[in-house]
Protein backbone atom coordinates (compact mmCIF):
# COMPACT_ATOMS: atom_id res chain seq x y z
CA MET A 1 0.00 0.00 0.00
CA ILE A 2 1.06 3.57 -0.67
CA LEU A 3 0.27 6.26 1.89
CA TYR A 4 0.00 9.95 1.12
CA ALA A 5 -0.15 13.21 3.04
CA ALA A 6 -1.41 16.17 1.04
CA ALA A 7 -1.76 19.81 2.04
CA ASP A 8 -5.08 20.26 0.28
CA LEU A 9 -8.00 18.39 -1.21
CA LEU A 10 -6.80 19.02 -4.76
CA TRP A 11 -3.58 17.03 -4.32
CA ALA A 12 -5.22 14.38 -2.14
CA THR A 13 -7.91 13.81 -4.78
CA ARG A 14 -5.41 13.75 -7.63
CA ILE A 15 -3.16 11.20 -5.91
CA LYS A 16 -6.06 8.97 -4.82
CA ALA A 17 -7.91 9.13 -8.16
CA THR A 18 -4.76 8.34 -10.14
CA ALA A 19 -3.91 5.42 -7.84
CA ASP A 20 -7.47 4.07 -8.08
CA ALA A 21 -7.42 4.30 -11.89
CA LEU A 22 -4.15 2.33 -11.91
CA GLY A 23 -5.34 -0.24 -9.38
CA VAL A 24 -2.67 0.75 -6.86
CA PRO A 25 -3.78 0.60 -3.19
CA CYS A 26 -3.41 4.08 -1.73
CA ARG A 27 -4.63 5.56 1.57
CA PRO A 28 -4.23 8.89 3.39
CA ALA A 29 -1.93 9.47 6.36
CA ARG A 30 -2.94 12.97 7.40
CA ASN A 31 -1.00 13.14 10.65
CA ALA A 32 1.53 11.28 12.80
CA ALA A 33 -1.07 9.16 14.61
CA MET A 34 -2.63 8.02 11.34
CA LEU A 35 0.79 7.25 9.86
CA ARG A 36 1.82 5.22 12.94
CA ALA A 37 -1.41 3.21 12.79
CA ARG A 38 -1.04 2.48 9.08
CA LEU A 39 2.61 1.48 9.50
CA ALA A 40 1.69 -0.86 12.35
CA ASN A 41 -1.31 -2.46 10.64
CA SER A 42 -0.53 -2.51 6.91
CA ALA A 43 2.14 -3.57 4.46
CA VAL A 44 3.23 -0.04 3.56
CA ARG A 45 5.55 0.23 0.58
CA ALA A 46 5.76 4.00 0.23
CA LEU A 47 4.80 7.38 1.63
CA ILE A 48 4.15 10.39 -0.59
CA VAL A 49 4.44 13.70 1.25
CA ASP A 50 3.31 17.11 0.08
CA LEU A 51 5.86 19.46 1.67
CA GLU A 52 3.20 22.14 2.00
CA ALA A 53 1.40 19.91 4.51
CA GLU A 54 2.07 21.33 7.96
CA CYS A 55 3.38 18.02 9.28
CA GLY A 56 5.16 16.95 6.08
CA LEU A 57 8.72 16.94 7.37
CA ASP A 58 7.65 15.26 10.61
CA LEU A 59 5.96 12.48 8.63
CA ILE A 60 9.13 11.87 6.65
CA ALA A 61 11.14 11.55 9.86
CA LEU A 62 8.49 9.29 11.40
CA ALA A 63 8.39 7.04 8.33
CA ARG A 64 12.17 6.71 8.55
CA ALA A 65 12.11 5.98 12.28
CA GLU A 66 9.18 3.55 12.35
CA GLY A 67 8.93 2.27 8.78
CA GLY A 68 12.61 1.68 8.28
CA SER A 69 14.24 1.27 4.92
CA GLY A 70 11.33 -0.81 3.65
CA VAL A 71 9.18 2.29 3.18
CA ARG A 72 10.17 4.46 0.24
CA VAL A 73 9.54 8.16 0.88
CA VAL A 74 8.78 10.57 -1.95
CA ALA A 75 8.31 14.26 -1.17
CA PHE A 76 7.16 17.07 -3.42
CA GLY A 77 6.81 20.82 -3.07
CA PRO A 78 7.03 24.18 -4.82
CA HIS A 79 10.25 24.71 -6.77
CA VAL A 80 10.74 28.09 -5.10
CA GLN A 81 10.96 26.51 -1.64
CA LYS A 82 14.49 25.19 -2.07
CA ASP A 83 15.10 25.11 1.70
CA ARG A 84 12.06 22.93 2.27
CA LEU A 85 13.03 20.60 -0.58
CA GLN A 86 16.49 20.26 0.97
CA ALA A 87 14.98 19.74 4.42
CA ALA A 88 13.02 16.78 2.99
CA ARG A 89 16.25 15.28 1.69
CA ASP A 90 17.88 15.87 5.07
CA ALA A 91 14.92 14.23 6.85
CA GLY A 92 15.46 11.07 4.80
CA ALA A 93 13.22 11.31 1.73
CA ASP A 94 14.37 8.91 -0.97
CA GLU A 95 13.18 11.20 -3.74
CA VAL A 96 12.33 14.90 -3.70
CA LEU A 97 10.47 16.47 -6.63
CA THR A 98 9.09 19.84 -7.52
CA ARG A 99 5.30 19.95 -7.79
CA GLY A 100 5.51 20.15 -11.57
CA ALA A 101 7.81 17.14 -11.82
CA PHE A 102 5.63 15.22 -9.36
CA ASP A 103 2.46 16.05 -11.28
CA HIS A 104 4.03 14.94 -14.55
CA ALA A 105 5.46 11.70 -13.10
CA LEU A 106 2.52 10.75 -10.84
CA PRO A 107 1.12 7.79 -12.82
CA ASP A 108 4.52 6.21 -13.42
CA LEU A 109 5.59 6.94 -9.86
CA LEU A 110 2.52 5.25 -8.39
CA VAL A 111 2.98 2.17 -10.58
CA SER A 112 6.67 1.98 -9.62
CA LEU A 113 6.00 2.43 -5.90
CA GLY A 114 3.11 -0.03 -5.97
CA ALA A 115 5.22 -2.66 -7.72
CA GLU A 116 8.13 -2.47 -5.28
CA ALA A 117 8.35 -5.34 -2.84
């Protein structure tokens, strides 16, 4: 399963709808408690984090601490927020993309993340 944390309904809907269309299991993890519960009770393969989500960086760190190396973390954010993009790398994100790159790559990214063992 792929988890996602999005700052707004637009991104959440886009991620979920694309995953559903591709047949990739995908569920929200809106906060630390929800992420912990999903990590404890599900076979989580990846976490997608919108860096504009208030808890985005904390979720990356939590996924690293509690999900280990088995959970791939992909973060995305505005290209003008270079410090935040770097902070995601520093927090342990495996891949950090600008919003435009993420939007363009979303279908392929979901298939790739969903196929990883």
